[in-house]
């Protein structure tokens, strides 16, 4: 298992970082599961609002892992971050059967 973390402040950063990691790192691209979560805060917009949090996650078939990762980011009040955790199946199932 390996994790990658980067600073993101908009969806374009998230999309760019994911594509760079998943398509340009052959080892990560071949991982059995690449779960990720991101969370960033948007600045004031043209409507005069104070901005808002944007967050999402994906578990890539590793049931519940993306939402757990997202919950951890929220509990720790982490801002402007993308975390990608890659796992390769090694013959042993993890977690509940």
PDB file of N, CA and C in Angstrom:
ATOM      1  N   UNK A   1       0.857  -1.165   0.000  1.00  0.00           N
ATOM      2  CA  UNK A   1       0.000   0.000   0.000  1.00  0.00           C
ATOM      3  C   UNK A   1       0.907   1.233   0.000  1.00  0.00           C
ATOM      4  N   UNK A   2       0.470   2.229  -0.752  1.00  0.00           N
ATOM      5  CA  UNK A   2       1.217   3.486  -0.825  1.00  0.00           C
ATOM      6  C   UNK A   2       0.212   4.629  -0.932  1.00  0.00           C
ATOM      7  N   UNK A   3       0.567   5.781  -0.396  1.00  0.00           N
ATOM      8  CA  UNK A   3      -0.323   6.944  -0.456  1.00  0.00           C
ATOM      9  C   UNK A   3       0.404   8.117  -1.106  1.00  0.00           C
ATOM     10  N   UNK A   4      -0.364   8.922  -1.814  1.00  0.00           N
ATOM     11  CA  UNK A   4       0.129  10.158  -2.404  1.00  0.00           C
ATOM     12  C   UNK A   4      -0.778  11.289  -1.919  1.00  0.00           C
ATOM     13  N   UNK A   5      -0.187  12.428  -1.638  1.00  0.00           N
ATOM     14  CA  UNK A   5      -0.930  13.592  -1.149  1.00  0.00           C
ATOM     15  C   UNK A   5      -0.479  14.811  -1.935  1.00  0.00           C
ATOM     16  N   UNK A   6      -1.442  15.666  -2.292  1.00  0.00           N
ATOM     17  CA  UNK A   6      -1.064  16.923  -2.941  1.00  0.00           C
ATOM     18  C   UNK A   6      -2.050  18.025  -2.578  1.00  0.00           C
ATOM     19  N   UNK A   7      -1.595  19.240  -2.771  1.00  0.00           N
ATOM     20  CA  UNK A   7      -2.390  20.425  -2.505  1.00  0.00           C
ATOM     21  C   UNK A   7      -3.319  20.682  -3.695  1.00  0.00           C
ATOM     22  N   UNK A   8      -4.609  20.892  -3.435  1.00  0.00           N
ATOM     23  CA  UNK A   8      -5.574  21.228  -4.485  1.00  0.00           C
ATOM     24  C   UNK A   8      -6.457  22.375  -4.006  1.00  0.00           C
ATOM     25  N   UNK A   9      -6.828  23.242  -4.928  1.00  0.00           N
ATOM     26  CA  UNK A   9      -7.699  24.364  -4.570  1.00  0.00           C
ATOM     27  C   UNK A   9      -8.888  24.511  -5.519  1.00  0.00           C
ATOM     28  N   UNK A  10      -8.998  23.590  -6.495  1.00  0.00           N
ATOM     29  CA  UNK A  10     -10.115  23.617  -7.429  1.00  0.00           C
ATOM     30  C   UNK A  10     -10.231  22.253  -8.104  1.00  0.00           C
ATOM     31  N   UNK A  11     -11.344  22.024  -8.787  1.00  0.00           N
ATOM     32  CA  UNK A  11     -11.566  20.736  -9.451  1.00  0.00           C
ATOM     33  C   UNK A  11     -10.521  20.454 -10.534  1.00  0.00           C
ATOM     34  N   UNK A  12     -10.040  21.498 -11.192  1.00  0.00           N
ATOM     35  CA  UNK A  12      -9.023  21.303 -12.222  1.00  0.00           C
ATOM     36  C   UNK A  12      -7.755  20.707 -11.620  1.00  0.00           C
ATOM     37  N   UNK A  13      -7.387  21.151 -10.411  1.00  0.00           N
ATOM     38  CA  UNK A  13      -6.222  20.583  -9.734  1.00  0.00           C
ATOM     39  C   UNK A  13      -6.447  19.111  -9.414  1.00  0.00           C
ATOM     40  N   UNK A  14      -7.649  18.784  -8.929  1.00  0.00           N
ATOM     41  CA  UNK A  14      -7.977  17.396  -8.583  1.00  0.00           C
ATOM     42  C   UNK A  14      -7.871  16.520  -9.830  1.00  0.00           C
ATOM     43  N   UNK A  15      -8.511  16.947 -10.900  1.00  0.00           N
ATOM     44  CA  UNK A  15      -8.513  16.167 -12.136  1.00  0.00           C
ATOM     45  C   UNK A  15      -7.105  16.002 -12.706  1.00  0.00           C
ATOM     46  N   UNK A  16      -6.319  17.078 -12.677  1.00  0.00           N
ATOM     47  CA  UNK A  16      -4.962  17.011 -13.196  1.00  0.00           C
ATOM     48  C   UNK A  16      -4.115  16.054 -12.365  1.00  0.00           C
ATOM     49  N   UNK A  17      -4.174  16.189 -11.037  1.00  0.00           N
ATOM     50  CA  UNK A  17      -3.364  15.344 -10.157  1.00  0.00           C
ATOM     51  C   UNK A  17      -3.733  13.870 -10.310  1.00  0.00           C
ATOM     52  N   UNK A  18      -5.028  13.570 -10.378  1.00  0.00           N
ATOM     53  CA  UNK A  18      -5.451  12.177 -10.553  1.00  0.00           C
ATOM     54  C   UNK A  18      -4.967  11.610 -11.880  1.00  0.00           C
ATOM     55  N   UNK A  19      -5.116  12.378 -12.950  1.00  0.00           N
ATOM     56  CA  UNK A  19      -4.685  11.864 -14.256  1.00  0.00           C
ATOM     57  C   UNK A  19      -3.173  11.706 -14.313  1.00  0.00           C
ATOM     58  N   UNK A  20      -2.417  12.630 -13.748  1.00  0.00           N
ATOM     59  CA  UNK A  20      -0.962  12.505 -13.722  1.00  0.00           C
ATOM     60  C   UNK A  20      -0.550  11.243 -12.979  1.00  0.00           C
ATOM     61  N   UNK A  21      -1.156  11.015 -11.831  1.00  0.00           N
ATOM     62  CA  UNK A  21      -0.783   9.868 -11.010  1.00  0.00           C
ATOM     63  C   UNK A  21      -1.224   8.553 -11.639  1.00  0.00           C
ATOM     64  N   UNK A  22      -2.469   8.467 -12.072  1.00  0.00           N
ATOM     65  CA  UNK A  22      -3.013   7.207 -12.556  1.00  0.00           C
ATOM     66  C   UNK A  22      -2.541   6.828 -13.954  1.00  0.00           C
ATOM     67  N   UNK A  23      -2.245   7.813 -14.788  1.00  0.00           N
ATOM     68  CA  UNK A  23      -1.856   7.505 -16.161  1.00  0.00           C
ATOM     69  C   UNK A  23      -0.354   7.591 -16.405  1.00  0.00           C
ATOM     70  N   UNK A  24       0.364   8.340 -15.583  1.00  0.00           N
ATOM     71  CA  UNK A  24       1.796   8.502 -15.821  1.00  0.00           C
ATOM     72  C   UNK A  24       2.677   7.707 -14.865  1.00  0.00           C
ATOM     73  N   UNK A  25       2.120   7.199 -13.795  1.00  0.00           N
ATOM     74  CA  UNK A  25       2.865   6.331 -12.883  1.00  0.00           C
ATOM     75  C   UNK A  25       2.372   4.908 -13.129  1.00  0.00           C
ATOM     76  N   UNK A  26       3.136   4.142 -13.865  1.00  0.00           N
ATOM     77  CA  UNK A  26       2.692   2.805 -14.292  1.00  0.00           C
ATOM     78  C   UNK A  26       2.395   1.886 -13.118  1.00  0.00           C
ATOM     79  N   UNK A  27       3.173   1.978 -12.054  1.00  0.00           N
ATOM     80  CA  UNK A  27       2.938   1.127 -10.889  1.00  0.00           C
ATOM     81  C   UNK A  27       1.590   1.454 -10.254  1.00  0.00           C
ATOM     82  N   UNK A  28       1.312   2.721 -10.051  1.00  0.00           N
ATOM     83  CA  UNK A  28       0.034   3.136  -9.459  1.00  0.00           C
ATOM     84  C   UNK A  28      -1.114   2.802 -10.405  1.00  0.00           C
ATOM     85  N   UNK A  29      -0.908   3.002 -11.684  1.00  0.00           N
ATOM     86  CA  UNK A  29      -1.943   2.694 -12.665  1.00  0.00           C
ATOM     87  C   UNK A  29      -2.347   1.226 -12.668  1.00  0.00           C
ATOM     88  N   UNK A  30      -1.425   0.337 -12.300  1.00  0.00           N
ATOM     89  CA  UNK A  30      -1.710  -1.097 -12.268  1.00  0.00           C
ATOM     90  C   UNK A  30      -2.207  -1.578 -10.901  1.00  0.00           C
ATOM     91  N   UNK A  31      -2.362  -0.678  -9.941  1.00  0.00           N
ATOM     92  CA  UNK A  31      -2.828  -1.069  -8.605  1.00  0.00           C
ATOM     93  C   UNK A  31      -4.219  -1.679  -8.693  1.00  0.00           C
ATOM     94  N   UNK A  32      -4.502  -2.618  -7.807  1.00  0.00           N
ATOM     95  CA  UNK A  32      -5.825  -3.245  -7.773  1.00  0.00           C
ATOM     96  C   UNK A  32      -6.884  -2.223  -7.404  1.00  0.00           C
ATOM     97  N   UNK A  33      -6.553  -1.338  -6.462  1.00  0.00           N
ATOM     98  CA  UNK A  33      -7.486  -0.291  -6.018  1.00  0.00           C
ATOM     99  C   UNK A  33      -6.727   1.013  -5.838  1.00  0.00           C
ATOM    100  N   UNK A  34      -7.299   2.101  -6.348  1.00  0.00           N
ATOM    101  CA  UNK A  34      -6.796   3.454  -6.117  1.00  0.00           C
ATOM    102  C   UNK A  34      -7.939   4.263  -5.510  1.00  0.00           C
ATOM    103  N   UNK A  35      -8.007   4.277  -4.183  1.00  0.00           N
ATOM    104  CA  UNK A  35      -9.068   5.038  -3.538  1.00  0.00           C
ATOM    105  C   UNK A  35      -8.564   6.463  -3.300  1.00  0.00           C
ATOM    106  N   UNK A  36      -9.497   7.406  -3.346  1.00  0.00           N
ATOM    107  CA  UNK A  36      -9.077   8.782  -3.107  1.00  0.00           C
ATOM    108  C   UNK A  36     -10.181   9.584  -2.443  1.00  0.00           C
ATOM    109  N   UNK A  37      -9.755  10.679  -1.832  1.00  0.00           N
ATOM    110  CA  UNK A  37     -10.677  11.656  -1.263  1.00  0.00           C
ATOM    111  C   UNK A  37     -10.019  13.023  -1.403  1.00  0.00           C
ATOM    112  N   UNK A  38     -10.841  14.030  -1.600  1.00  0.00           N
ATOM    113  CA  UNK A  38     -10.314  15.388  -1.653  1.00  0.00           C
ATOM    114  C   UNK A  38     -11.261  16.326  -0.938  1.00  0.00           C
ATOM    115  N   UNK A  39     -10.704  17.452  -0.543  1.00  0.00           N
ATOM    116  CA  UNK A  39     -11.477  18.453   0.192  1.00  0.00           C
ATOM    117  C   UNK A  39     -10.764  19.794  -0.006  1.00  0.00           C
ATOM    118  N   UNK A  40     -11.506  20.775  -0.488  1.00  0.00           N
ATOM    119  CA  UNK A  40     -10.943  22.112  -0.612  1.00  0.00           C
ATOM    120  C   UNK A  40     -12.031  23.145  -0.379  1.00  0.00           C
ATOM    121  N   UNK A  41     -11.612  24.349  -0.121  1.00  0.00           N
ATOM    122  CA  UNK A  41     -12.525  25.445   0.159  1.00  0.00           C
ATOM    123  C   UNK A  41     -12.459  26.439  -0.984  1.00  0.00           C
ATOM    124  N   UNK A  42     -13.622  26.768  -1.554  1.00  0.00           N
ATOM    125  CA  UNK A  42     -13.658  27.757  -2.633  1.00  0.00           C
ATOM    126  C   UNK A  42     -13.686  29.151  -2.034  1.00  0.00           C
ATOM    127  N   UNK A  43     -13.047  30.079  -2.696  1.00  0.00           N
ATOM    128  CA  UNK A  43     -13.056  31.470  -2.246  1.00  0.00           C
ATOM    129  C   UNK A  43     -14.405  32.107  -2.543  1.00  0.00           C
ATOM    130  N   UNK A  44     -14.520  33.370  -2.193  1.00  0.00           N
ATOM    131  CA  UNK A  44     -15.743  34.109  -2.515  1.00  0.00           C
ATOM    132  C   UNK A  44     -16.012  34.011  -4.004  1.00  0.00           C
ATOM    133  N   UNK A  45     -17.286  33.902  -4.352  1.00  0.00           N
ATOM    134  CA  UNK A  45     -17.617  33.844  -5.776  1.00  0.00           C
ATOM    135  C   UNK A  45     -18.270  35.148  -6.219  1.00  0.00           C
ATOM    136  N   UNK A  46     -18.666  35.217  -7.463  1.00  0.00           N
ATOM    137  CA  UNK A  46     -19.226  36.447  -8.025  1.00  0.00           C
ATOM    138  C   UNK A  46     -20.541  36.849  -7.388  1.00  0.00           C
ATOM    139  N   UNK A  47     -21.224  35.914  -6.736  1.00  0.00           N
ATOM    140  CA  UNK A  47     -22.515  36.220  -6.104  1.00  0.00           C
ATOM    141  C   UNK A  47     -22.362  36.828  -4.723  1.00  0.00           C
ATOM    142  N   UNK A  48     -21.131  37.039  -4.259  1.00  0.00           N
ATOM    143  CA  UNK A  48     -20.908  37.625  -2.957  1.00  0.00           C
ATOM    144  C   UNK A  48     -20.958  36.619  -1.816  1.00  0.00           C
ATOM    145  N   UNK A  49     -21.099  35.340  -2.122  1.00  0.00           N
ATOM    146  CA  UNK A  49     -21.099  34.322  -1.070  1.00  0.00           C
ATOM    147  C   UNK A  49     -19.686  34.160  -0.505  1.00  0.00           C
ATOM    148  N   UNK A  50     -19.608  33.607   0.688  1.00  0.00           N
ATOM    149  CA  UNK A  50     -18.321  33.421   1.346  1.00  0.00           C
ATOM    150  C   UNK A  50     -17.573  32.187   0.864  1.00  0.00           C
ATOM    151  N   UNK A  51     -18.102  31.478  -0.087  1.00  0.00           N
ATOM    152  CA  UNK A  51     -17.467  30.270  -0.577  1.00  0.00           C
ATOM    153  C   UNK A  51     -18.019  29.048   0.127  1.00  0.00           C
ATOM    154  N   UNK A  52     -17.481  27.897  -0.207  1.00  0.00           N
ATOM    155  CA  UNK A  52     -17.986  26.662   0.395  1.00  0.00           C
ATOM    156  C   UNK A  52     -16.946  25.556   0.285  1.00  0.00           C
ATOM    157  N   UNK A  53     -17.167  24.500   1.063  1.00  0.00           N
ATOM    158  CA  UNK A  53     -16.307  23.326   0.975  1.00  0.00           C
ATOM    159  C   UNK A  53     -16.751  22.464  -0.200  1.00  0.00           C
ATOM    160  N   UNK A  54     -15.790  21.930  -0.904  1.00  0.00           N
ATOM    161  CA  UNK A  54     -16.035  20.976  -1.979  1.00  0.00           C
ATOM    162  C   UNK A  54     -15.278  19.711  -1.596  1.00  0.00           C
ATOM    163  N   UNK A  55     -15.980  18.593  -1.593  1.00  0.00           N
ATOM    164  CA  UNK A  55     -15.313  17.335  -1.247  1.00  0.00           C
ATOM    165  C   UNK A  55     -16.003  16.183  -1.955  1.00  0.00           C
ATOM    166  N   UNK A  56     -15.235  15.121  -2.174  1.00  0.00           N
ATOM    167  CA  UNK A  56     -15.776  13.911  -2.776  1.00  0.00           C
ATOM    168  C   UNK A  56     -14.771  12.801  -2.536  1.00  0.00           C
ATOM    169  N   UNK A  57     -15.175  11.591  -2.897  1.00  0.00           N
ATOM    170  CA  UNK A  57     -14.285  10.454  -2.712  1.00  0.00           C
ATOM    171  C   UNK A  57     -14.694   9.330  -3.648  1.00  0.00           C
ATOM    172  N   UNK A  58     -13.806   8.366  -3.801  1.00  0.00           N
ATOM    173  CA  UNK A  58     -14.082   7.178  -4.599  1.00  0.00           C
ATOM    174  C   UNK A  58     -13.336   6.021  -3.961  1.00  0.00           C
ATOM    175  N   UNK A  59     -14.013   4.883  -3.811  1.00  0.00           N
ATOM    176  CA  UNK A  59     -13.369   3.733  -3.166  1.00  0.00           C
ATOM    177  C   UNK A  59     -12.813   2.721  -4.160  1.00  0.00           C
ATOM    178  N   UNK A  60     -13.033   2.909  -5.441  1.00  0.00           N
ATOM    179  CA  UNK A  60     -12.486   2.053  -6.490  1.00  0.00           C
ATOM    180  C   UNK A  60     -12.665   0.567  -6.178  1.00  0.00           C
ATOM    181  N   UNK A  61     -13.847   0.223  -5.668  1.00  0.00           N
ATOM    182  CA  UNK A  61     -14.154  -1.171  -5.387  1.00  0.00           C
ATOM    183  C   UNK A  61     -13.699  -1.672  -4.035  1.00  0.00           C
ATOM    184  N   UNK A  62     -13.001  -0.866  -3.284  1.00  0.00           N
ATOM    185  CA  UNK A  62     -12.547  -1.226  -1.934  1.00  0.00           C
ATOM    186  C   UNK A  62     -13.594  -0.675  -0.966  1.00  0.00           C
ATOM    187  N   UNK A  63     -14.646  -1.456  -0.763  1.00  0.00           N
ATOM    188  CA  UNK A  63     -15.888  -1.039  -0.119  1.00  0.00           C
ATOM    189  C   UNK A  63     -15.703  -0.118   1.099  1.00  0.00           C
ATOM    190  N   UNK A  64     -16.210   1.103   0.963  1.00  0.00           N
ATOM    191  CA  UNK A  64     -16.239   2.063   2.063  1.00  0.00           C
ATOM    192  C   UNK A  64     -14.947   2.811   2.317  1.00  0.00           C
ATOM    193  N   UNK A  65     -13.881   2.465   1.619  1.00  0.00           N
ATOM    194  CA  UNK A  65     -12.593   3.090   1.924  1.00  0.00           C
ATOM    195  C   UNK A  65     -12.556   4.572   1.564  1.00  0.00           C
ATOM    196  N   UNK A  66     -13.185   4.946   0.458  1.00  0.00           N
ATOM    197  CA  UNK A  66     -13.194   6.352   0.059  1.00  0.00           C
ATOM    198  C   UNK A  66     -13.925   7.223   1.052  1.00  0.00           C
ATOM    199  N   UNK A  67     -15.078   6.754   1.533  1.00  0.00           N
ATOM    200  CA  UNK A  67     -15.842   7.551   2.504  1.00  0.00           C
ATOM    201  C   UNK A  67     -15.128   7.618   3.852  1.00  0.00           C
ATOM    202  N   UNK A  68     -14.437   6.551   4.229  1.00  0.00           N
ATOM    203  CA  UNK A  68     -13.661   6.590   5.481  1.00  0.00           C
ATOM    204  C   UNK A  68     -12.507   7.567   5.374  1.00  0.00           C
ATOM    205  N   UNK A  69     -11.863   7.587   4.233  1.00  0.00           N
ATOM    206  CA  UNK A  69     -10.775   8.536   4.001  1.00  0.00           C
ATOM    207  C   UNK A  69     -11.309   9.964   4.025  1.00  0.00           C
ATOM    208  N   UNK A  70     -12.452  10.192   3.390  1.00  0.00           N
ATOM    209  CA  UNK A  70     -13.065  11.522   3.388  1.00  0.00           C
ATOM    210  C   UNK A  70     -13.462  11.946   4.800  1.00  0.00           C
ATOM    211  N   UNK A  71     -13.989  11.009   5.594  1.00  0.00           N
ATOM    212  CA  UNK A  71     -14.359  11.317   6.978  1.00  0.00           C
ATOM    213  C   UNK A  71     -13.140  11.715   7.801  1.00  0.00           C
ATOM    214  N   UNK A  72     -12.035  11.038   7.567  1.00  0.00           N
ATOM    215  CA  UNK A  72     -10.800  11.365   8.273  1.00  0.00           C
ATOM    216  C   UNK A  72     -10.331  12.783   7.926  1.00  0.00           C
ATOM    217  N   UNK A  73     -10.404  13.146   6.640  1.00  0.00           N
ATOM    218  CA  UNK A  73     -10.028  14.502   6.241  1.00  0.00           C
ATOM    219  C   UNK A  73     -10.912  15.536   6.936  1.00  0.00           C
ATOM    220  N   UNK A  74     -12.202  15.241   7.012  1.00  0.00           N
ATOM    221  CA  UNK A  74     -13.138  16.173   7.651  1.00  0.00           C
ATOM    222  C   UNK A  74     -12.898  16.262   9.158  1.00  0.00           C
ATOM    223  N   UNK A  75     -12.724  15.117   9.814  1.00  0.00           N
ATOM    224  CA  UNK A  75     -12.488  15.119  11.265  1.00  0.00           C
ATOM    225  C   UNK A  75     -11.223  15.894  11.635  1.00  0.00           C
ATOM    226  N   UNK A  76     -10.211  15.790  10.790  1.00  0.00           N
ATOM    227  CA  UNK A  76      -8.939  16.485  11.035  1.00  0.00           C
ATOM    228  C   UNK A  76      -8.970  17.925  10.527  1.00  0.00           C
ATOM    229  N   UNK A  77     -10.079  18.307   9.924  1.00  0.00           N
ATOM    230  CA  UNK A  77     -10.257  19.657   9.369  1.00  0.00           C
ATOM    231  C   UNK A  77      -9.158  20.018   8.369  1.00  0.00           C
ATOM    232  N   UNK A  78      -8.813  19.042   7.557  1.00  0.00           N
ATOM    233  CA  UNK A  78      -7.800  19.249   6.527  1.00  0.00           C
ATOM    234  C   UNK A  78      -8.436  20.010   5.372  1.00  0.00           C
ATOM    235  N   UNK A  79      -7.727  20.968   4.846  1.00  0.00           N
ATOM    236  CA  UNK A  79      -8.211  21.792   3.739  1.00  0.00           C
ATOM    237  C   UNK A  79      -7.275  21.670   2.539  1.00  0.00           C
ATOM    238  N   UNK A  80      -7.825  21.805   1.361  1.00  0.00           N
ATOM    239  CA  UNK A  80      -7.051  21.919   0.127  1.00  0.00           C
ATOM    240  C   UNK A  80      -6.105  20.738  -0.094  1.00  0.00           C
ATOM    241  N   UNK A  81      -6.663  19.537  -0.021  1.00  0.00           N
ATOM    242  CA  UNK A  81      -5.829  18.352  -0.143  1.00  0.00           C
ATOM    243  C   UNK A  81      -6.536  17.255  -0.941  1.00  0.00           C
ATOM    244  N   UNK A  82      -5.735  16.497  -1.662  1.00  0.00           N
ATOM    245  CA  UNK A  82      -6.166  15.277  -2.338  1.00  0.00           C
ATOM    246  C   UNK A  82      -5.281  14.161  -1.806  1.00  0.00           C
ATOM    247  N   UNK A  83      -5.896  13.066  -1.371  1.00  0.00           N
ATOM    248  CA  UNK A  83      -5.154  11.897  -0.895  1.00  0.00           C
ATOM    249  C   UNK A  83      -5.559  10.707  -1.764  1.00  0.00           C
ATOM    250  N   UNK A  84      -4.579  10.020  -2.317  1.00  0.00           N
ATOM    251  CA  UNK A  84      -4.813   8.817  -3.117  1.00  0.00           C
ATOM    252  C   UNK A  84      -4.068   7.671  -2.443  1.00  0.00           C
ATOM    253  N   UNK A  85      -4.796   6.604  -2.110  1.00  0.00           N
ATOM    254  CA  UNK A  85      -4.189   5.422  -1.513  1.00  0.00           C
ATOM    255  C   UNK A  85      -4.300   4.283  -2.524  1.00  0.00           C
ATOM    256  N   UNK A  86      -3.166   3.707  -2.865  1.00  0.00           N
ATOM    257  CA  UNK A  86      -3.119   2.613  -3.849  1.00  0.00           C
ATOM    258  C   UNK A  86      -2.820   1.310  -3.123  1.00  0.00           C
ATOM    259  N   UNK A  87      -3.546   0.252  -3.522  1.00  0.00           N
ATOM    260  CA  UNK A  87      -3.346  -1.059  -2.904  1.00  0.00           C
ATOM    261  C   UNK A  87      -3.305  -2.121  -3.982  1.00  0.00           C
ATOM    262  N   UNK A  88      -2.370  -3.035  -3.828  1.00  0.00           N
ATOM    263  CA  UNK A  88      -2.242  -4.153  -4.732  1.00  0.00           C
ATOM    264  C   UNK A  88      -2.680  -5.402  -4.006  1.00  0.00           C
ATOM    265  N   UNK A  89      -3.480  -6.235  -4.648  1.00  0.00           N
ATOM    266  CA  UNK A  89      -3.960  -7.464  -4.007  1.00  0.00           C
ATOM    267  C   UNK A  89      -2.799  -8.433  -3.891  1.00  0.00           C
ATOM    268  N   UNK A  90      -2.575  -8.873  -2.663  1.00  0.00           N
ATOM    269  CA  UNK A  90      -1.446  -9.759  -2.402  1.00  0.00           C
ATOM    270  C   UNK A  90      -1.872 -11.159  -2.002  1.00  0.00           C
ATOM    271  N   UNK A  91      -3.124 -11.530  -2.303  1.00  0.00           N
ATOM    272  CA  UNK A  91      -3.581 -12.871  -1.992  1.00  0.00           C
ATOM    273  C   UNK A  91      -4.320 -12.994  -0.683  1.00  0.00           C
ATOM    274  N   UNK A  92      -4.383 -11.926   0.110  1.00  0.00           N
ATOM    275  CA  UNK A  92      -5.092 -11.980   1.386  1.00  0.00           C
ATOM    276  C   UNK A  92      -6.117 -10.848   1.431  1.00  0.00           C
ATOM    277  N   UNK A  93      -7.359 -11.202   1.698  1.00  0.00           N
ATOM    278  CA  UNK A  93      -8.410 -10.191   1.794  1.00  0.00           C
ATOM    279  C   UNK A  93      -8.272  -9.481   3.144  1.00  0.00           C
ATOM    280  N   UNK A  94      -8.489  -8.154   3.099  1.00  0.00           N
ATOM    281  CA  UNK A  94      -8.435  -7.340   4.304  1.00  0.00           C
ATOM    282  C   UNK A  94      -9.849  -7.012   4.754  1.00  0.00           C
ATOM    283  N   UNK A  95     -10.048  -6.800   6.027  1.00  0.00           N
ATOM    284  CA  UNK A  95     -11.352  -6.383   6.543  1.00  0.00           C
ATOM    285  C   UNK A  95     -12.279  -7.547   6.749  1.00  0.00           C
ATOM    286  N   UNK A  96     -13.576  -7.226   7.023  1.00  0.00           N
ATOM    287  CA  UNK A  96     -14.560  -8.282   7.307  1.00  0.00           C
ATOM    288  C   UNK A  96     -14.813  -9.155   6.081  1.00  0.00           C
ATOM    289  N   UNK A  97     -15.085 -10.402   6.358  1.00  0.00           N
ATOM    290  CA  UNK A  97     -15.327 -11.366   5.273  1.00  0.00           C
ATOM    291  C   UNK A  97     -16.673 -11.187   4.631  1.00  0.00           C
TER     292      UNK A  97
END
